[in-house]
Amino acid sequence: MKKYSFLLFAFCILLSCNKPNAENTIQEGDILFQNLDCGDLCNAIETVTEGIDGKKFSHCSLVIKENNTLKVVEAIGGNVQINSLYNFMKRSGDTAMLKNITVGRVKKEFKNLISTATYFAKQQVGKPYDDEFIMDNGKWYCSELLYEAFKQANNGKDFFTLAPMTFKDPKTNDFFPAWIKYYKDLNKEIPEGKMGINPGLMSRNTSIEIVDIKHLENN
């Protein structure tokens, strides 16, 4: 009987060790960093903006909760929209386990900002995508949306840091051909040197920490 009880106890311990705890699962307020692999434009973004630990990011989203289900709010395509975690992860081939997505989480001392930040982001759903990548023009690009959401939650003070944007290849100091064509098609000037933010810069912010998550839940 003692041997059986010991084996049962050991089995229960093994199960609890294999079950991910709350800290090892995606949570509301987490920031998901992604490499969209969208061609020359994404490559240009990743070249000039190094992510945490040298990773390459061209997109990011904010995890929200709707009807007790975790989803993401993101500026992508033509507007700000809410998508399922499954569809978000599918873009990177992470439908069961997280391999290509990097999860950033605001540090414990800033947890109080999450509810306001997620509320603000959800209120922007339907707003147009900012294809010019200009701050404060009534439209949103992916990291700009998250920047403003946490700024609003932080009583109007910057939570993430802005930096001068560049659209030039660091090897040649010339504009990437993809950006030249992109802004020519928009009939706009390239906003070189204007203040902005990007997923790579956001991922290196000291107010968040990178969380090691393997299994995808609530997808």
N, C-alpha and C. Protein backbone atom coordinates (compact mmCIF):
# COMPACT_ATOMS: atom_id res chain seq x y z
N MET A 1 0.84 -1.21 0.00
CA MET A 1 0.00 0.00 0.00
C MET A 1 0.87 1.26 0.00
N LYS A 2 1.93 1.22 0.83
CA LYS A 2 2.83 2.37 0.89
C LYS A 2 3.48 2.62 -0.47
N LYS A 3 3.88 1.51 -1.14
CA LYS A 3 4.51 1.65 -2.45
C LYS A 3 3.54 2.24 -3.46
N TYR A 4 2.27 1.81 -3.40
CA TYR A 4 1.25 2.32 -4.31
C TYR A 4 1.01 3.80 -4.06
N SER A 5 0.93 4.20 -2.79
CA SER A 5 0.69 5.61 -2.45
C SER A 5 1.84 6.48 -2.93
N PHE A 6 3.06 5.96 -2.79
CA PHE A 6 4.21 6.73 -3.23
C PHE A 6 4.19 6.94 -4.75
N LEU A 7 3.85 5.86 -5.49
CA LEU A 7 3.79 5.97 -6.94
C LEU A 7 2.70 6.94 -7.37
N LEU A 8 1.55 6.90 -6.68
CA LEU A 8 0.45 7.81 -7.00
C LEU A 8 0.86 9.25 -6.74
N PHE A 9 1.56 9.47 -5.62
CA PHE A 9 2.04 10.81 -5.28
C PHE A 9 3.02 11.32 -6.33
N ALA A 10 3.95 10.44 -6.74
CA ALA A 10 4.94 10.82 -7.74
C ALA A 10 4.28 11.14 -9.07
N PHE A 11 3.24 10.39 -9.42
CA PHE A 11 2.53 10.61 -10.68
C PHE A 11 1.83 11.97 -10.66
N CYS A 12 1.23 12.30 -9.53
CA CYS A 12 0.55 13.60 -9.39
C CYS A 12 1.53 14.75 -9.49
N ILE A 13 2.70 14.58 -8.89
CA ILE A 13 3.74 15.61 -8.95
C ILE A 13 4.18 15.80 -10.40
N LEU A 14 4.33 14.68 -11.12
CA LEU A 14 4.75 14.75 -12.52
C LEU A 14 3.73 15.50 -13.36
N LEU A 15 2.46 15.26 -13.13
CA LEU A 15 1.42 15.95 -13.87
C LEU A 15 1.45 17.44 -13.59
N SER A 16 1.61 17.81 -12.33
CA SER A 16 1.61 19.23 -11.97
C SER A 16 2.81 19.95 -12.54
N CYS A 17 3.93 19.20 -12.66
CA CYS A 17 5.13 19.83 -13.23
C CYS A 17 4.96 20.09 -14.72
N ASN A 18 4.24 19.21 -15.39
CA ASN A 18 4.07 19.35 -16.83
C ASN A 18 2.98 20.33 -17.20
N LYS A 19 2.10 20.67 -16.26
CA LYS A 19 1.01 21.58 -16.54
C LYS A 19 1.52 23.02 -16.45
N PRO A 20 1.36 23.82 -17.49
CA PRO A 20 1.86 25.20 -17.44
C PRO A 20 1.10 26.02 -16.41
N ASN A 21 1.84 26.81 -15.63
CA ASN A 21 1.16 27.67 -14.66
C ASN A 21 0.79 28.99 -15.34
N ALA A 22 0.12 29.85 -14.57
CA ALA A 22 -0.40 31.10 -15.14
C ALA A 22 0.70 31.97 -15.71
N GLU A 23 1.88 31.91 -15.10
CA GLU A 23 2.98 32.76 -15.56
C GLU A 23 3.53 32.28 -16.91
N ASN A 24 3.27 31.01 -17.24
CA ASN A 24 3.82 30.45 -18.47
C ASN A 24 2.79 30.35 -19.60
N THR A 25 1.70 31.08 -19.47
CA THR A 25 0.69 31.13 -20.52
C THR A 25 0.46 32.58 -20.91
N ILE A 26 -0.08 32.77 -22.08
CA ILE A 26 -0.35 34.12 -22.55
C ILE A 26 -1.41 34.77 -21.68
N GLN A 27 -1.23 36.06 -21.38
CA GLN A 27 -2.14 36.80 -20.51
C GLN A 27 -2.62 38.07 -21.20
N GLU A 28 -3.74 38.58 -20.73
CA GLU A 28 -4.22 39.87 -21.21
C GLU A 28 -3.16 40.94 -20.92
N GLY A 29 -2.91 41.78 -21.89
CA GLY A 29 -1.90 42.82 -21.74
C GLY A 29 -0.54 42.44 -22.30
N ASP A 30 -0.36 41.17 -22.65
CA ASP A 30 0.90 40.76 -23.27
C ASP A 30 1.03 41.37 -24.67
N ILE A 31 2.25 41.62 -25.06
CA ILE A 31 2.54 42.13 -26.40
C ILE A 31 3.20 41.01 -27.20
N LEU A 32 2.63 40.71 -28.35
CA LEU A 32 3.15 39.64 -29.19
C LEU A 32 3.93 40.22 -30.35
N PHE A 33 5.19 39.88 -30.44
CA PHE A 33 6.08 40.37 -31.49
C PHE A 33 6.21 39.28 -32.56
N GLN A 34 6.12 39.72 -33.81
CA GLN A 34 6.01 38.78 -34.91
C GLN A 34 6.84 39.22 -36.12
N ASN A 35 7.40 38.25 -36.80
CA ASN A 35 8.05 38.49 -38.09
C ASN A 35 7.04 38.10 -39.17
N LEU A 36 6.48 39.09 -39.84
CA LEU A 36 5.45 38.82 -40.83
C LEU A 36 5.99 38.18 -42.10
N ASP A 37 7.29 38.35 -42.35
CA ASP A 37 7.89 37.79 -43.56
C ASP A 37 7.10 38.22 -44.80
N CYS A 38 6.91 39.55 -44.91
CA CYS A 38 6.05 40.09 -45.98
C CYS A 38 6.83 40.59 -47.18
N GLY A 39 8.09 40.23 -47.26
CA GLY A 39 8.86 40.63 -48.42
C GLY A 39 9.81 41.78 -48.16
N ASP A 40 10.07 42.59 -49.19
CA ASP A 40 11.09 43.63 -49.11
C ASP A 40 10.81 44.68 -48.04
N LEU A 41 9.54 45.07 -47.85
CA LEU A 41 9.24 46.09 -46.84
C LEU A 41 9.53 45.57 -45.44
N CYS A 42 9.09 44.36 -45.15
CA CYS A 42 9.37 43.78 -43.83
C CYS A 42 10.87 43.61 -43.62
N ASN A 43 11.57 43.19 -44.65
CA ASN A 43 13.02 43.04 -44.54
C ASN A 43 13.69 44.38 -44.25
N ALA A 44 13.18 45.45 -44.87
CA ALA A 44 13.74 46.78 -44.64
C ALA A 44 13.49 47.23 -43.20
N ILE A 45 12.28 46.97 -42.70
CA ILE A 45 11.96 47.32 -41.31
C ILE A 45 12.89 46.59 -40.34
N GLU A 46 13.05 45.31 -40.57
CA GLU A 46 13.86 44.49 -39.67
C GLU A 46 15.35 44.84 -39.73
N THR A 47 15.80 45.30 -40.88
CA THR A 47 17.21 45.65 -41.03
C THR A 47 17.61 46.85 -40.20
N VAL A 48 16.72 47.84 -40.10
CA VAL A 48 17.08 49.09 -39.41
C VAL A 48 16.63 49.09 -37.96
N THR A 49 15.90 48.08 -37.52
CA THR A 49 15.41 48.07 -36.14
C THR A 49 15.65 46.70 -35.52
N GLU A 50 16.66 46.61 -34.71
CA GLU A 50 16.99 45.34 -34.06
C GLU A 50 16.06 45.08 -32.89
N GLY A 51 15.54 43.86 -32.81
CA GLY A 51 14.68 43.48 -31.70
C GLY A 51 15.48 42.92 -30.54
N ILE A 52 14.79 42.57 -29.48
CA ILE A 52 15.44 42.02 -28.30
C ILE A 52 16.23 40.76 -28.67
N ASP A 53 17.42 40.64 -28.14
CA ASP A 53 18.29 39.49 -28.40
C ASP A 53 18.59 39.32 -29.89
N GLY A 54 18.56 40.42 -30.64
CA GLY A 54 18.89 40.37 -32.05
C GLY A 54 17.79 39.80 -32.94
N LYS A 55 16.59 39.61 -32.38
CA LYS A 55 15.49 39.04 -33.16
C LYS A 55 14.95 40.06 -34.15
N LYS A 56 14.27 39.56 -35.17
CA LYS A 56 13.73 40.41 -36.22
C LYS A 56 12.21 40.44 -36.11
N PHE A 57 11.65 41.65 -35.96
CA PHE A 57 10.22 41.82 -35.84
C PHE A 57 9.73 42.87 -36.84
N SER A 58 8.58 42.59 -37.44
CA SER A 58 7.96 43.57 -38.33
C SER A 58 6.52 43.86 -37.96
N HIS A 59 6.03 43.23 -36.89
CA HIS A 59 4.63 43.44 -36.48
C HIS A 59 4.49 43.14 -34.99
N CYS A 60 3.48 43.74 -34.37
CA CYS A 60 3.17 43.45 -32.97
C CYS A 60 1.69 43.65 -32.73
N SER A 61 1.18 43.02 -31.68
CA SER A 61 -0.22 43.14 -31.32
C SER A 61 -0.35 43.11 -29.79
N LEU A 62 -1.54 43.45 -29.30
CA LEU A 62 -1.80 43.49 -27.86
C LEU A 62 -2.86 42.44 -27.54
N VAL A 63 -2.59 41.61 -26.54
CA VAL A 63 -3.54 40.59 -26.12
C VAL A 63 -4.64 41.22 -25.28
N ILE A 64 -5.88 40.93 -25.64
CA ILE A 64 -7.04 41.44 -24.91
C ILE A 64 -7.93 40.26 -24.53
N LYS A 65 -8.92 40.53 -23.69
CA LYS A 65 -9.88 39.50 -23.31
C LYS A 65 -11.27 39.95 -23.72
N GLU A 66 -11.97 39.08 -24.42
CA GLU A 66 -13.34 39.33 -24.83
C GLU A 66 -14.18 38.10 -24.53
N ASN A 67 -15.20 38.29 -23.67
CA ASN A 67 -16.07 37.17 -23.28
C ASN A 67 -15.24 36.00 -22.75
N ASN A 68 -14.27 36.34 -21.89
CA ASN A 68 -13.39 35.35 -21.26
C ASN A 68 -12.51 34.59 -22.25
N THR A 69 -12.36 35.12 -23.45
CA THR A 69 -11.48 34.51 -24.44
C THR A 69 -10.37 35.49 -24.80
N LEU A 70 -9.15 35.01 -24.82
CA LEU A 70 -8.03 35.85 -25.19
C LEU A 70 -7.97 36.01 -26.71
N LYS A 71 -7.82 37.26 -27.15
CA LYS A 71 -7.69 37.58 -28.56
C LYS A 71 -6.59 38.63 -28.70
N VAL A 72 -6.38 39.14 -29.90
CA VAL A 72 -5.43 40.22 -30.09
C VAL A 72 -6.12 41.38 -30.79
N VAL A 73 -5.72 42.59 -30.42
CA VAL A 73 -6.12 43.78 -31.17
C VAL A 73 -4.86 44.26 -31.87
N GLU A 74 -5.01 44.58 -33.16
CA GLU A 74 -3.83 44.93 -33.95
C GLU A 74 -4.20 45.84 -35.10
N ALA A 75 -3.25 46.66 -35.48
CA ALA A 75 -3.39 47.49 -36.68
C ALA A 75 -2.70 46.74 -37.81
N ILE A 76 -3.50 46.24 -38.73
CA ILE A 76 -2.95 45.44 -39.82
C ILE A 76 -3.93 45.49 -40.99
N GLY A 77 -3.42 45.38 -42.19
CA GLY A 77 -4.31 45.46 -43.34
C GLY A 77 -4.86 46.86 -43.49
N GLY A 78 -6.16 46.97 -43.55
CA GLY A 78 -6.75 48.28 -43.78
C GLY A 78 -7.16 49.04 -42.54
N ASN A 79 -7.16 48.36 -41.36
CA ASN A 79 -7.66 49.04 -40.17
C ASN A 79 -7.22 48.34 -38.89
N VAL A 80 -7.65 48.91 -37.78
CA VAL A 80 -7.44 48.27 -36.48
C VAL A 80 -8.53 47.21 -36.32
N GLN A 81 -8.14 46.02 -35.93
CA GLN A 81 -9.10 44.92 -35.85
C GLN A 81 -8.77 43.97 -34.72
N ILE A 82 -9.76 43.19 -34.34
CA ILE A 82 -9.59 42.15 -33.33
C ILE A 82 -9.56 40.81 -34.04
N ASN A 83 -8.55 40.02 -33.72
CA ASN A 83 -8.41 38.69 -34.32
C ASN A 83 -8.19 37.63 -33.25
N SER A 84 -8.45 36.40 -33.60
CA SER A 84 -8.21 35.31 -32.66
C SER A 84 -6.72 35.07 -32.51
N LEU A 85 -6.34 34.53 -31.37
CA LEU A 85 -4.94 34.15 -31.17
C LEU A 85 -4.52 33.12 -32.23
N TYR A 86 -5.42 32.22 -32.54
CA TYR A 86 -5.10 31.18 -33.52
C TYR A 86 -4.71 31.78 -34.86
N ASN A 87 -5.53 32.72 -35.35
CA ASN A 87 -5.24 33.32 -36.65
C ASN A 87 -3.96 34.15 -36.62
N PHE A 88 -3.73 34.82 -35.49
CA PHE A 88 -2.49 35.59 -35.35
C PHE A 88 -1.28 34.66 -35.41
N MET A 89 -1.33 33.59 -34.63
CA MET A 89 -0.21 32.66 -34.59
C MET A 89 -0.02 31.92 -35.91
N LYS A 90 -1.10 31.71 -36.62
CA LYS A 90 -1.05 30.96 -37.87
C LYS A 90 -0.13 31.63 -38.88
N ARG A 91 -0.06 32.97 -38.82
CA ARG A 91 0.82 33.69 -39.75
C ARG A 91 2.27 33.26 -39.61
N SER A 92 2.63 32.82 -38.40
CA SER A 92 4.02 32.44 -38.14
C SER A 92 4.19 30.94 -37.96
N GLY A 93 3.12 30.18 -38.20
CA GLY A 93 3.19 28.74 -38.04
C GLY A 93 3.22 28.28 -36.60
N ASP A 94 2.64 29.08 -35.68
CA ASP A 94 2.68 28.77 -34.25
C ASP A 94 1.29 28.40 -33.72
N THR A 95 0.60 27.50 -34.37
CA THR A 95 -0.78 27.22 -33.99
C THR A 95 -0.90 26.33 -32.76
N ALA A 96 0.12 25.60 -32.39
CA ALA A 96 0.06 24.73 -31.21
C ALA A 96 1.12 25.11 -30.18
N MET A 97 2.32 25.40 -30.65
CA MET A 97 3.40 25.78 -29.76
C MET A 97 4.04 27.06 -30.27
N LEU A 98 4.55 27.86 -29.35
CA LEU A 98 5.16 29.12 -29.72
C LEU A 98 6.63 28.90 -30.06
N LYS A 99 6.95 29.11 -31.33
CA LYS A 99 8.32 28.95 -31.79
C LYS A 99 8.86 30.24 -32.39
N ASN A 100 8.00 30.95 -33.12
CA ASN A 100 8.44 32.13 -33.86
C ASN A 100 7.90 33.44 -33.31
N ILE A 101 6.97 33.36 -32.38
CA ILE A 101 6.41 34.56 -31.74
C ILE A 101 7.18 34.82 -30.45
N THR A 102 7.45 36.09 -30.16
CA THR A 102 8.08 36.47 -28.90
C THR A 102 7.06 37.23 -28.06
N VAL A 103 6.94 36.85 -26.80
CA VAL A 103 5.93 37.43 -25.91
C VAL A 103 6.59 38.40 -24.94
N GLY A 104 6.15 39.66 -24.97
CA GLY A 104 6.60 40.66 -24.02
C GLY A 104 5.51 40.93 -22.99
N ARG A 105 5.90 41.12 -21.74
CA ARG A 105 4.93 41.35 -20.66
C ARG A 105 5.38 42.54 -19.83
N VAL A 106 4.47 43.47 -19.58
CA VAL A 106 4.82 44.62 -18.75
C VAL A 106 5.21 44.12 -17.37
N LYS A 107 6.21 44.73 -16.78
CA LYS A 107 6.68 44.30 -15.48
C LYS A 107 5.62 44.53 -14.41
N LYS A 108 5.76 43.81 -13.31
CA LYS A 108 4.72 43.78 -12.28
C LYS A 108 4.34 45.16 -11.77
N GLU A 109 5.29 46.06 -11.70
CA GLU A 109 4.99 47.39 -11.17
C GLU A 109 4.13 48.22 -12.11
N PHE A 110 3.93 47.73 -13.34
CA PHE A 110 3.10 48.47 -14.31
C PHE A 110 1.82 47.72 -14.68
N LYS A 111 1.49 46.66 -13.94
CA LYS A 111 0.30 45.86 -14.24
C LYS A 111 -0.98 46.70 -14.20
N ASN A 112 -0.98 47.75 -13.39
CA ASN A 112 -2.18 48.57 -13.27
C ASN A 112 -2.53 49.31 -14.56
N LEU A 113 -1.60 49.35 -15.52
CA LEU A 113 -1.85 50.06 -16.77
C LEU A 113 -2.61 49.20 -17.78
N ILE A 114 -2.65 47.91 -17.56
CA ILE A 114 -3.16 46.99 -18.59
C ILE A 114 -4.62 47.24 -18.92
N SER A 115 -5.47 47.39 -17.92
CA SER A 115 -6.91 47.52 -18.20
C SER A 115 -7.21 48.75 -19.04
N THR A 116 -6.57 49.87 -18.73
CA THR A 116 -6.79 51.09 -19.51
C THR A 116 -6.20 50.97 -20.91
N ALA A 117 -5.02 50.37 -21.00
CA ALA A 117 -4.36 50.21 -22.30
C ALA A 117 -5.18 49.33 -23.23
N THR A 118 -5.68 48.21 -22.73
CA THR A 118 -6.47 47.32 -23.57
C THR A 118 -7.80 47.97 -23.94
N TYR A 119 -8.39 48.71 -23.01
CA TYR A 119 -9.65 49.40 -23.31
C TYR A 119 -9.44 50.42 -24.43
N PHE A 120 -8.37 51.21 -24.33
CA PHE A 120 -8.09 52.21 -25.36
C PHE A 120 -7.89 51.54 -26.72
N ALA A 121 -7.12 50.47 -26.74
CA ALA A 121 -6.83 49.79 -28.00
C ALA A 121 -8.11 49.27 -28.64
N LYS A 122 -9.00 48.70 -27.82
CA LYS A 122 -10.25 48.17 -28.36
C LYS A 122 -11.14 49.28 -28.91
N GLN A 123 -11.04 50.47 -28.31
CA GLN A 123 -11.84 51.59 -28.79
C GLN A 123 -11.40 52.08 -30.17
N GLN A 124 -10.21 51.67 -30.60
CA GLN A 124 -9.70 52.11 -31.90
C GLN A 124 -10.09 51.16 -33.04
N VAL A 125 -10.78 50.09 -32.71
CA VAL A 125 -11.16 49.12 -33.74
C VAL A 125 -11.98 49.81 -34.83
N GLY A 126 -11.60 49.56 -36.07
CA GLY A 126 -12.25 50.19 -37.21
C GLY A 126 -11.53 51.42 -37.72
N LYS A 127 -10.64 51.99 -36.89
CA LYS A 127 -9.87 53.15 -37.34
C LYS A 127 -8.91 52.71 -38.45
N PRO A 128 -8.61 53.60 -39.40
CA PRO A 128 -7.80 53.20 -40.56
C PRO A 128 -6.34 52.90 -40.19
N TYR A 129 -5.74 52.02 -40.98
CA TYR A 129 -4.33 51.70 -40.83
C TYR A 129 -3.49 52.88 -41.32
N ASP A 130 -2.43 53.19 -40.60
CA ASP A 130 -1.57 54.32 -40.94
C ASP A 130 -0.49 53.88 -41.91
N ASP A 131 -0.82 53.90 -43.20
CA ASP A 131 0.14 53.46 -44.20
C ASP A 131 1.26 54.46 -44.46
N GLU A 132 1.14 55.67 -43.87
CA GLU A 132 2.21 56.66 -44.01
C GLU A 132 3.23 56.56 -42.88
N PHE A 133 2.89 55.89 -41.80
CA PHE A 133 3.76 55.75 -40.62
C PHE A 133 4.11 57.11 -40.02
N ILE A 134 3.06 57.90 -39.81
CA ILE A 134 3.21 59.24 -39.22
C ILE A 134 2.44 59.28 -37.91
N MET A 135 3.05 59.81 -36.87
CA MET A 135 2.37 59.91 -35.58
C MET A 135 1.28 60.98 -35.63
N ASP A 136 0.24 60.75 -34.81
CA ASP A 136 -0.79 61.77 -34.56
C ASP A 136 -1.50 62.24 -35.84
N ASN A 137 -1.88 61.31 -36.68
CA ASN A 137 -2.62 61.70 -37.88
C ASN A 137 -3.99 61.03 -37.97
N GLY A 138 -4.46 60.51 -36.83
CA GLY A 138 -5.78 59.90 -36.79
C GLY A 138 -5.83 58.48 -37.32
N LYS A 139 -4.67 57.93 -37.68
CA LYS A 139 -4.57 56.56 -38.16
C LYS A 139 -3.51 55.84 -37.32
N TRP A 140 -3.50 54.51 -37.39
CA TRP A 140 -2.59 53.74 -36.54
C TRP A 140 -1.80 52.72 -37.33
N TYR A 141 -0.49 52.65 -37.08
CA TYR A 141 0.26 51.47 -37.49
C TYR A 141 0.50 50.62 -36.24
N CYS A 142 1.01 49.41 -36.40
CA CYS A 142 0.92 48.42 -35.32
C CYS A 142 1.54 48.88 -34.00
N SER A 143 2.79 49.28 -34.02
CA SER A 143 3.45 49.67 -32.77
C SER A 143 2.98 51.03 -32.28
N GLU A 144 2.54 51.89 -33.18
CA GLU A 144 1.99 53.20 -32.77
C GLU A 144 0.74 53.01 -31.92
N LEU A 145 -0.11 52.07 -32.30
CA LEU A 145 -1.33 51.79 -31.54
C LEU A 145 -0.99 51.38 -30.12
N LEU A 146 -0.02 50.50 -29.96
CA LEU A 146 0.36 50.04 -28.61
C LEU A 146 1.06 51.14 -27.83
N TYR A 147 1.88 51.92 -28.52
CA TYR A 147 2.55 53.05 -27.88
C TYR A 147 1.51 53.99 -27.26
N GLU A 148 0.49 54.36 -28.04
CA GLU A 148 -0.50 55.32 -27.57
C GLU A 148 -1.39 54.71 -26.49
N ALA A 149 -1.69 53.41 -26.61
CA ALA A 149 -2.52 52.75 -25.60
C ALA A 149 -1.87 52.81 -24.22
N PHE A 150 -0.59 52.52 -24.16
CA PHE A 150 0.09 52.55 -22.86
C PHE A 150 0.39 53.97 -22.41
N LYS A 151 0.54 54.88 -23.34
CA LYS A 151 0.72 56.28 -22.97
C LYS A 151 -0.55 56.81 -22.31
N GLN A 152 -1.70 56.50 -22.90
CA GLN A 152 -2.97 56.91 -22.31
C GLN A 152 -3.13 56.31 -20.92
N ALA A 153 -2.76 55.05 -20.78
CA ALA A 153 -2.88 54.39 -19.49
C ALA A 153 -1.91 54.96 -18.46
N ASN A 154 -0.83 55.55 -18.94
CA ASN A 154 0.22 56.10 -18.06
C ASN A 154 0.03 57.61 -17.86
N ASN A 155 -1.23 58.03 -17.82
CA ASN A 155 -1.57 59.45 -17.57
C ASN A 155 -0.93 60.40 -18.58
N GLY A 156 -0.87 59.96 -19.84
CA GLY A 156 -0.36 60.81 -20.90
C GLY A 156 1.16 60.90 -20.97
N LYS A 157 1.85 60.10 -20.17
CA LYS A 157 3.31 60.08 -20.19
C LYS A 157 3.80 58.88 -20.99
N ASP A 158 4.90 59.06 -21.72
CA ASP A 158 5.43 57.98 -22.53
C ASP A 158 5.76 56.76 -21.67
N PHE A 159 5.27 55.62 -22.09
CA PHE A 159 5.64 54.34 -21.48
C PHE A 159 6.70 53.68 -22.34
N PHE A 160 6.48 53.69 -23.64
CA PHE A 160 7.49 53.27 -24.60
C PHE A 160 8.18 54.50 -25.17
N THR A 161 9.37 54.34 -25.71
CA THR A 161 10.20 55.45 -26.15
C THR A 161 10.17 55.60 -27.66
N LEU A 162 9.96 56.83 -28.11
CA LEU A 162 10.02 57.13 -29.53
C LEU A 162 11.48 57.34 -29.96
N ALA A 163 11.72 57.23 -31.25
CA ALA A 163 13.06 57.47 -31.79
C ALA A 163 12.91 57.96 -33.23
N PRO A 164 13.91 58.67 -33.75
CA PRO A 164 13.85 59.10 -35.16
C PRO A 164 13.79 57.89 -36.08
N MET A 165 12.88 57.92 -37.03
CA MET A 165 12.74 56.81 -37.96
C MET A 165 13.73 56.95 -39.13
N THR A 166 14.17 55.81 -39.63
CA THR A 166 15.00 55.83 -40.82
C THR A 166 14.50 54.79 -41.81
N PHE A 167 14.57 55.15 -43.05
CA PHE A 167 14.15 54.27 -44.13
C PHE A 167 15.33 53.97 -45.05
N LYS A 168 16.55 54.16 -44.51
CA LYS A 168 17.77 53.99 -45.28
C LYS A 168 18.49 52.70 -44.91
N ASP A 169 19.13 52.13 -45.89
CA ASP A 169 19.96 50.95 -45.67
C ASP A 169 21.22 51.39 -44.93
N PRO A 170 21.49 50.84 -43.72
CA PRO A 170 22.67 51.27 -42.97
C PRO A 170 23.99 50.97 -43.67
N LYS A 171 23.97 50.04 -44.62
CA LYS A 171 25.20 49.70 -45.33
C LYS A 171 25.55 50.74 -46.39
N THR A 172 24.54 51.38 -46.97
CA THR A 172 24.78 52.31 -48.07
C THR A 172 24.36 53.74 -47.75
N ASN A 173 23.53 53.88 -46.70
CA ASN A 173 22.95 55.18 -46.33
C ASN A 173 22.02 55.71 -47.42
N ASP A 174 21.57 54.83 -48.29
CA ASP A 174 20.58 55.18 -49.32
C ASP A 174 19.23 54.60 -48.93
N PHE A 175 18.17 55.26 -49.38
CA PHE A 175 16.83 54.73 -49.11
C PHE A 175 16.68 53.35 -49.74
N PHE A 176 16.03 52.45 -49.01
CA PHE A 176 15.72 51.15 -49.56
C PHE A 176 14.83 51.35 -50.80
N PRO A 177 15.12 50.67 -51.90
CA PRO A 177 14.28 50.79 -53.09
C PRO A 177 12.80 50.50 -52.81
N ALA A 178 12.54 49.58 -51.91
CA ALA A 178 11.15 49.23 -51.58
C ALA A 178 10.41 50.42 -50.98
N TRP A 179 11.11 51.20 -50.15
CA TRP A 179 10.47 52.38 -49.54
C TRP A 179 10.29 53.49 -50.57
N ILE A 180 11.24 53.63 -51.47
CA ILE A 180 11.10 54.65 -52.52
C ILE A 180 9.84 54.39 -53.35
N LYS A 181 9.66 53.14 -53.75
CA LYS A 181 8.47 52.79 -54.53
C LYS A 181 7.21 52.93 -53.70
N TYR A 182 7.28 52.51 -52.44
CA TYR A 182 6.11 52.54 -51.55
C TYR A 182 5.57 53.96 -51.41
N TYR A 183 6.46 54.91 -51.09
CA TYR A 183 6.00 56.29 -50.88
C TYR A 183 5.70 57.01 -52.20
N LYS A 184 6.34 56.58 -53.26
CA LYS A 184 6.00 57.13 -54.57
C LYS A 184 4.56 56.76 -54.93
N ASP A 185 4.19 55.50 -54.64
CA ASP A 185 2.82 55.05 -54.92
C ASP A 185 1.81 55.80 -54.06
N LEU A 186 2.23 56.21 -52.84
CA LEU A 186 1.35 56.98 -51.97
C LEU A 186 1.34 58.46 -52.34
N ASN A 187 2.28 58.85 -53.17
CA ASN A 187 2.47 60.26 -53.52
C ASN A 187 2.79 61.09 -52.28
N LYS A 188 3.65 60.51 -51.42
CA LYS A 188 4.07 61.16 -50.18
C LYS A 188 5.59 61.14 -50.08
N GLU A 189 6.12 62.09 -49.31
CA GLU A 189 7.55 62.08 -49.05
C GLU A 189 7.88 61.04 -47.98
N ILE A 190 9.05 60.47 -48.09
CA ILE A 190 9.50 59.53 -47.07
C ILE A 190 9.75 60.30 -45.78
N PRO A 191 9.14 59.90 -44.66
CA PRO A 191 9.27 60.66 -43.40
C PRO A 191 10.57 60.38 -42.65
N GLU A 192 11.66 60.46 -43.35
CA GLU A 192 12.98 60.21 -42.76
C GLU A 192 13.24 61.16 -41.60
N GLY A 193 13.66 60.61 -40.46
CA GLY A 193 14.02 61.41 -39.30
C GLY A 193 12.87 61.81 -38.40
N LYS A 194 11.65 61.58 -38.82
CA LYS A 194 10.51 61.91 -37.96
C LYS A 194 10.42 60.90 -36.82
N MET A 195 9.88 61.34 -35.69
CA MET A 195 9.79 60.47 -34.52
C MET A 195 8.75 59.37 -34.76
N GLY A 196 9.07 58.19 -34.29
CA GLY A 196 8.15 57.07 -34.44
C GLY A 196 8.60 55.91 -33.56
N ILE A 197 7.97 54.77 -33.79
CA ILE A 197 8.30 53.58 -32.99
C ILE A 197 8.09 52.36 -33.87
N ASN A 198 8.72 51.28 -33.52
CA ASN A 198 8.60 50.04 -34.28
C ASN A 198 8.67 48.85 -33.33
N PRO A 199 8.26 47.67 -33.78
CA PRO A 199 8.24 46.50 -32.89
C PRO A 199 9.60 46.17 -32.28
N GLY A 200 10.67 46.29 -33.07
CA GLY A 200 11.99 45.98 -32.53
C GLY A 200 12.37 46.88 -31.38
N LEU A 201 12.18 48.18 -31.55
CA LEU A 201 12.48 49.14 -30.49
C LEU A 201 11.62 48.88 -29.27
N MET A 202 10.34 48.59 -29.48
CA MET A 202 9.43 48.33 -28.38
C MET A 202 9.84 47.10 -27.59
N SER A 203 10.33 46.08 -28.28
CA SER A 203 10.70 44.84 -27.60
C SER A 203 11.90 45.02 -26.67
N ARG A 204 12.70 46.06 -26.89
CA ARG A 204 13.89 46.30 -26.06
C ARG A 204 13.60 47.25 -24.90
N ASN A 205 12.37 47.69 -24.75
CA ASN A 205 12.03 48.62 -23.69
C ASN A 205 12.22 47.97 -22.32
N THR A 206 12.80 48.70 -21.38
CA THR A 206 13.10 48.13 -20.08
C THR A 206 11.89 47.99 -19.17
N SER A 207 10.74 48.50 -19.60
CA SER A 207 9.53 48.37 -18.79
C SER A 207 8.78 47.07 -19.04
N ILE A 208 9.26 46.29 -20.00
CA ILE A 208 8.67 44.98 -20.25
C ILE A 208 9.74 43.91 -20.12
N GLU A 209 9.28 42.68 -19.96
CA GLU A 209 10.20 41.54 -19.91
C GLU A 209 9.72 40.50 -20.90
N ILE A 210 10.65 39.75 -21.43
CA ILE A 210 10.32 38.70 -22.38
C ILE A 210 9.99 37.43 -21.60
N VAL A 211 8.84 36.84 -21.92
CA VAL A 211 8.35 35.67 -21.20
C VAL A 211 8.54 34.43 -22.06
N ASP A 212 9.09 33.39 -21.47
CA ASP A 212 9.33 32.14 -22.19
C ASP A 212 8.06 31.30 -22.15
N ILE A 213 7.30 31.31 -23.22
CA ILE A 213 6.05 30.55 -23.31
C ILE A 213 6.17 29.57 -24.48
N LYS A 214 5.83 28.34 -24.21
CA LYS A 214 5.93 27.30 -25.25
C LYS A 214 4.57 26.91 -25.80
N HIS A 215 3.62 26.68 -24.90
CA HIS A 215 2.33 26.15 -25.33
C HIS A 215 1.32 27.27 -25.52
N LEU A 216 0.53 27.16 -26.56
CA LEU A 216 -0.51 28.14 -26.85
C LEU A 216 -1.83 27.66 -26.28
N GLU A 217 -2.44 28.48 -25.43
CA GLU A 217 -3.76 28.17 -24.88
C GLU A 217 -4.75 29.23 -25.31
N ASN A 218 -6.02 28.94 -25.11
CA ASN A 218 -7.09 29.87 -25.45
C ASN A 218 -7.01 30.31 -26.91
N ASN A 219 -6.72 29.38 -27.80
CA ASN A 219 -6.58 29.75 -29.21
C ASN A 219 -7.87 29.56 -29.99
